[in-house]
Amino acid sequence: MAYIKLFRASDDTQISEDASSPLSFTLRADLNEDDEKRIYAEADAGYSVTGVEVDPTGTSAARWRLAPDDNESPGTYEAAGAALTLGTVGAGSGGRVYFWAEASAVDSEDPVNDDSVTLEVTGIAEAV
């Protein structure tokens, strides 16, 4: 059982573990585009998750950067491909921890639908 989930902040849609509702970016490699999206982590009802870390993994994870939320704007981004520590994530709107994900494309890559990156979330869940 997953005790923590990720959601798009723009519409509160859960980001899926499969291809049904991914966090997606449409980028032009020939323009070296990048884009960022605000997302949040939320624990299941009745749980608190401590030591939460989000880590981009996969073939092109080095083109992803994560940043804490700073009053609905990105804080300082971690190094490309590096994990972001969120700390404690609780249940419901009061327990949400917001953060940002940025993906970039480079002109040396071929146009492709790259679905190789996964945002892995780890932490210690406990019933509250």
Protein backbone atom coordinates (compact mmCIF):
# COMPACT_ATOMS: atom_id res chain seq x y z
CA MET A 1 0.00 0.00 0.00
CA ALA A 2 1.23 3.47 -0.87
CA TYR A 3 0.92 5.88 2.04
CA ILE A 4 1.82 8.98 0.05
CA LYS A 5 0.73 10.30 -3.33
CA LEU A 6 1.72 13.11 -5.70
CA PHE A 7 -0.77 15.56 -7.24
CA ARG A 8 -0.70 18.36 -9.81
CA ALA A 9 -1.26 21.64 -7.94
CA SER A 10 -2.99 23.17 -10.96
CA ASP A 11 -6.02 20.87 -10.80
CA ASP A 12 -5.48 18.49 -7.83
CA THR A 13 -5.26 15.50 -10.18
CA GLN A 14 -3.29 12.57 -8.79
CA ILE A 15 -0.15 11.79 -10.73
CA SER A 16 -0.33 8.11 -11.58
CA GLU A 17 2.28 5.41 -11.35
CA ASP A 18 1.22 4.20 -14.79
CA ALA A 19 0.68 6.12 -18.03
CA SER A 20 -2.94 7.07 -17.30
CA SER A 21 -2.18 10.43 -15.62
CA PRO A 22 1.54 11.23 -15.77
CA LEU A 23 3.28 14.49 -14.99
CA SER A 24 4.02 15.53 -18.55
CA PHE A 25 5.90 18.29 -20.32
CA THR A 26 5.80 19.21 -24.01
CA LEU A 27 9.20 20.66 -24.90
CA ARG A 28 10.95 21.56 -28.15
CA ALA A 29 14.44 20.13 -28.17
CA ASP A 30 15.54 22.36 -31.06
CA LEU A 31 14.87 25.39 -28.82
CA ASN A 32 16.43 23.87 -25.68
CA GLU A 33 13.13 24.45 -23.90
CA ASP A 34 12.40 23.82 -20.25
CA ASP A 35 9.19 24.02 -18.27
CA GLU A 36 8.21 23.71 -14.63
CA LYS A 37 5.14 22.49 -12.79
CA ARG A 38 4.00 22.85 -9.21
CA ILE A 39 3.04 19.59 -7.54
CA TYR A 40 2.40 18.42 -4.01
CA ALA A 41 2.77 15.34 -1.85
CA GLU A 42 -0.03 14.25 0.47
CA ALA A 43 -0.23 11.31 2.88
CA ASP A 44 -3.20 8.98 3.02
CA ALA A 45 -5.84 9.75 5.66
CA GLY A 46 -4.73 8.52 9.08
CA TYR A 47 -0.99 8.62 8.26
CA SER A 48 1.99 10.91 8.56
CA VAL A 49 5.13 10.27 6.53
CA THR A 50 8.47 11.55 7.83
CA GLY A 51 11.83 11.88 6.10
CA VAL A 52 10.12 12.24 2.72
CA GLU A 53 12.43 12.51 -0.27
CA VAL A 54 11.53 12.78 -3.96
CA ASP A 55 14.11 11.45 -6.41
CA PRO A 56 13.90 11.63 -10.21
CA THR A 57 15.12 8.33 -11.64
CA GLY A 58 15.36 6.97 -15.17
CA THR A 59 17.23 7.41 -18.42
CA SER A 60 16.79 11.19 -18.72
CA ALA A 61 16.53 12.05 -15.01
CA ALA A 62 19.61 14.27 -15.41
CA ARG A 63 17.37 16.72 -17.30
CA TRP A 64 14.98 17.08 -14.34
CA ARG A 65 15.41 19.42 -11.38
CA LEU A 66 13.33 19.71 -8.22
CA ALA A 67 12.80 22.75 -5.99
CA PRO A 68 10.92 23.47 -2.77
CA ASP A 69 7.89 25.73 -2.96
CA ASP A 70 8.44 29.33 -1.86
CA ASN A 71 5.07 31.12 -1.61
CA GLU A 72 3.74 29.46 -4.78
CA SER A 73 6.99 30.05 -6.69
CA PRO A 74 9.97 27.73 -7.09
CA GLY A 75 12.65 28.02 -4.45
CA THR A 76 16.25 27.17 -5.25
CA TYR A 77 16.44 24.19 -7.59
CA GLU A 78 18.54 21.19 -6.64
CA ALA A 79 21.23 20.03 -9.07
CA ALA A 80 19.96 18.25 -12.17
CA GLY A 81 18.87 14.72 -11.31
CA ALA A 82 19.26 15.27 -7.56
CA ALA A 83 16.70 14.33 -4.92
CA LEU A 84 14.68 16.88 -2.94
CA THR A 85 13.95 16.46 0.77
CA LEU A 86 10.38 17.41 1.70
CA GLY A 87 10.49 16.49 5.39
CA THR A 88 7.15 15.51 6.97
CA VAL A 89 4.04 15.08 4.81
CA GLY A 90 0.62 14.79 6.41
CA ALA A 91 -2.90 13.98 5.28
CA GLY A 92 -5.41 16.43 3.85
CA SER A 93 -4.87 19.96 2.67
CA GLY A 94 -3.09 20.93 5.91
CA GLY A 95 -0.50 18.19 5.50
CA ARG A 96 0.39 18.85 1.88
CA VAL A 97 3.95 19.75 0.95
CA TYR A 98 4.29 21.63 -2.33
CA PHE A 99 7.33 21.54 -4.59
CA TRP A 100 8.31 22.13 -8.21
CA ALA A 101 9.57 19.89 -10.99
CA GLU A 102 11.39 21.25 -14.02
CA ALA A 103 12.17 19.25 -17.15
CA SER A 104 14.41 20.38 -19.97
CA ALA A 105 15.14 19.33 -23.52
CA VAL A 106 18.42 19.76 -25.35
CA ASP A 107 18.98 20.19 -29.06
CA SER A 108 21.31 17.20 -29.20
CA GLU A 109 18.45 14.77 -28.51
CA ASP A 110 16.06 13.32 -31.05
CA PRO A 111 12.37 14.24 -30.73
CA VAL A 112 10.81 11.51 -28.64
CA ASN A 113 7.99 10.83 -26.20
CA ASP A 114 10.31 10.24 -23.23
CA ASP A 115 8.52 8.38 -20.46
CA SER A 116 11.66 7.08 -18.78
CA VAL A 117 11.61 9.32 -15.68
CA THR A 118 9.88 8.32 -12.46
CA LEU A 119 9.60 10.50 -9.37
CA GLU A 120 10.34 8.02 -6.59
CA VAL A 121 9.03 9.04 -3.18
CA THR A 122 10.44 7.51 -0.02
CA GLY A 123 9.74 8.09 3.67
CA ILE A 124 8.62 6.41 6.87
CA ALA A 125 4.85 6.15 7.29
CA GLU A 126 3.17 5.92 10.66
CA ALA A 127 -0.46 5.84 11.72
CA VAL A 128 -1.59 8.96 13.56
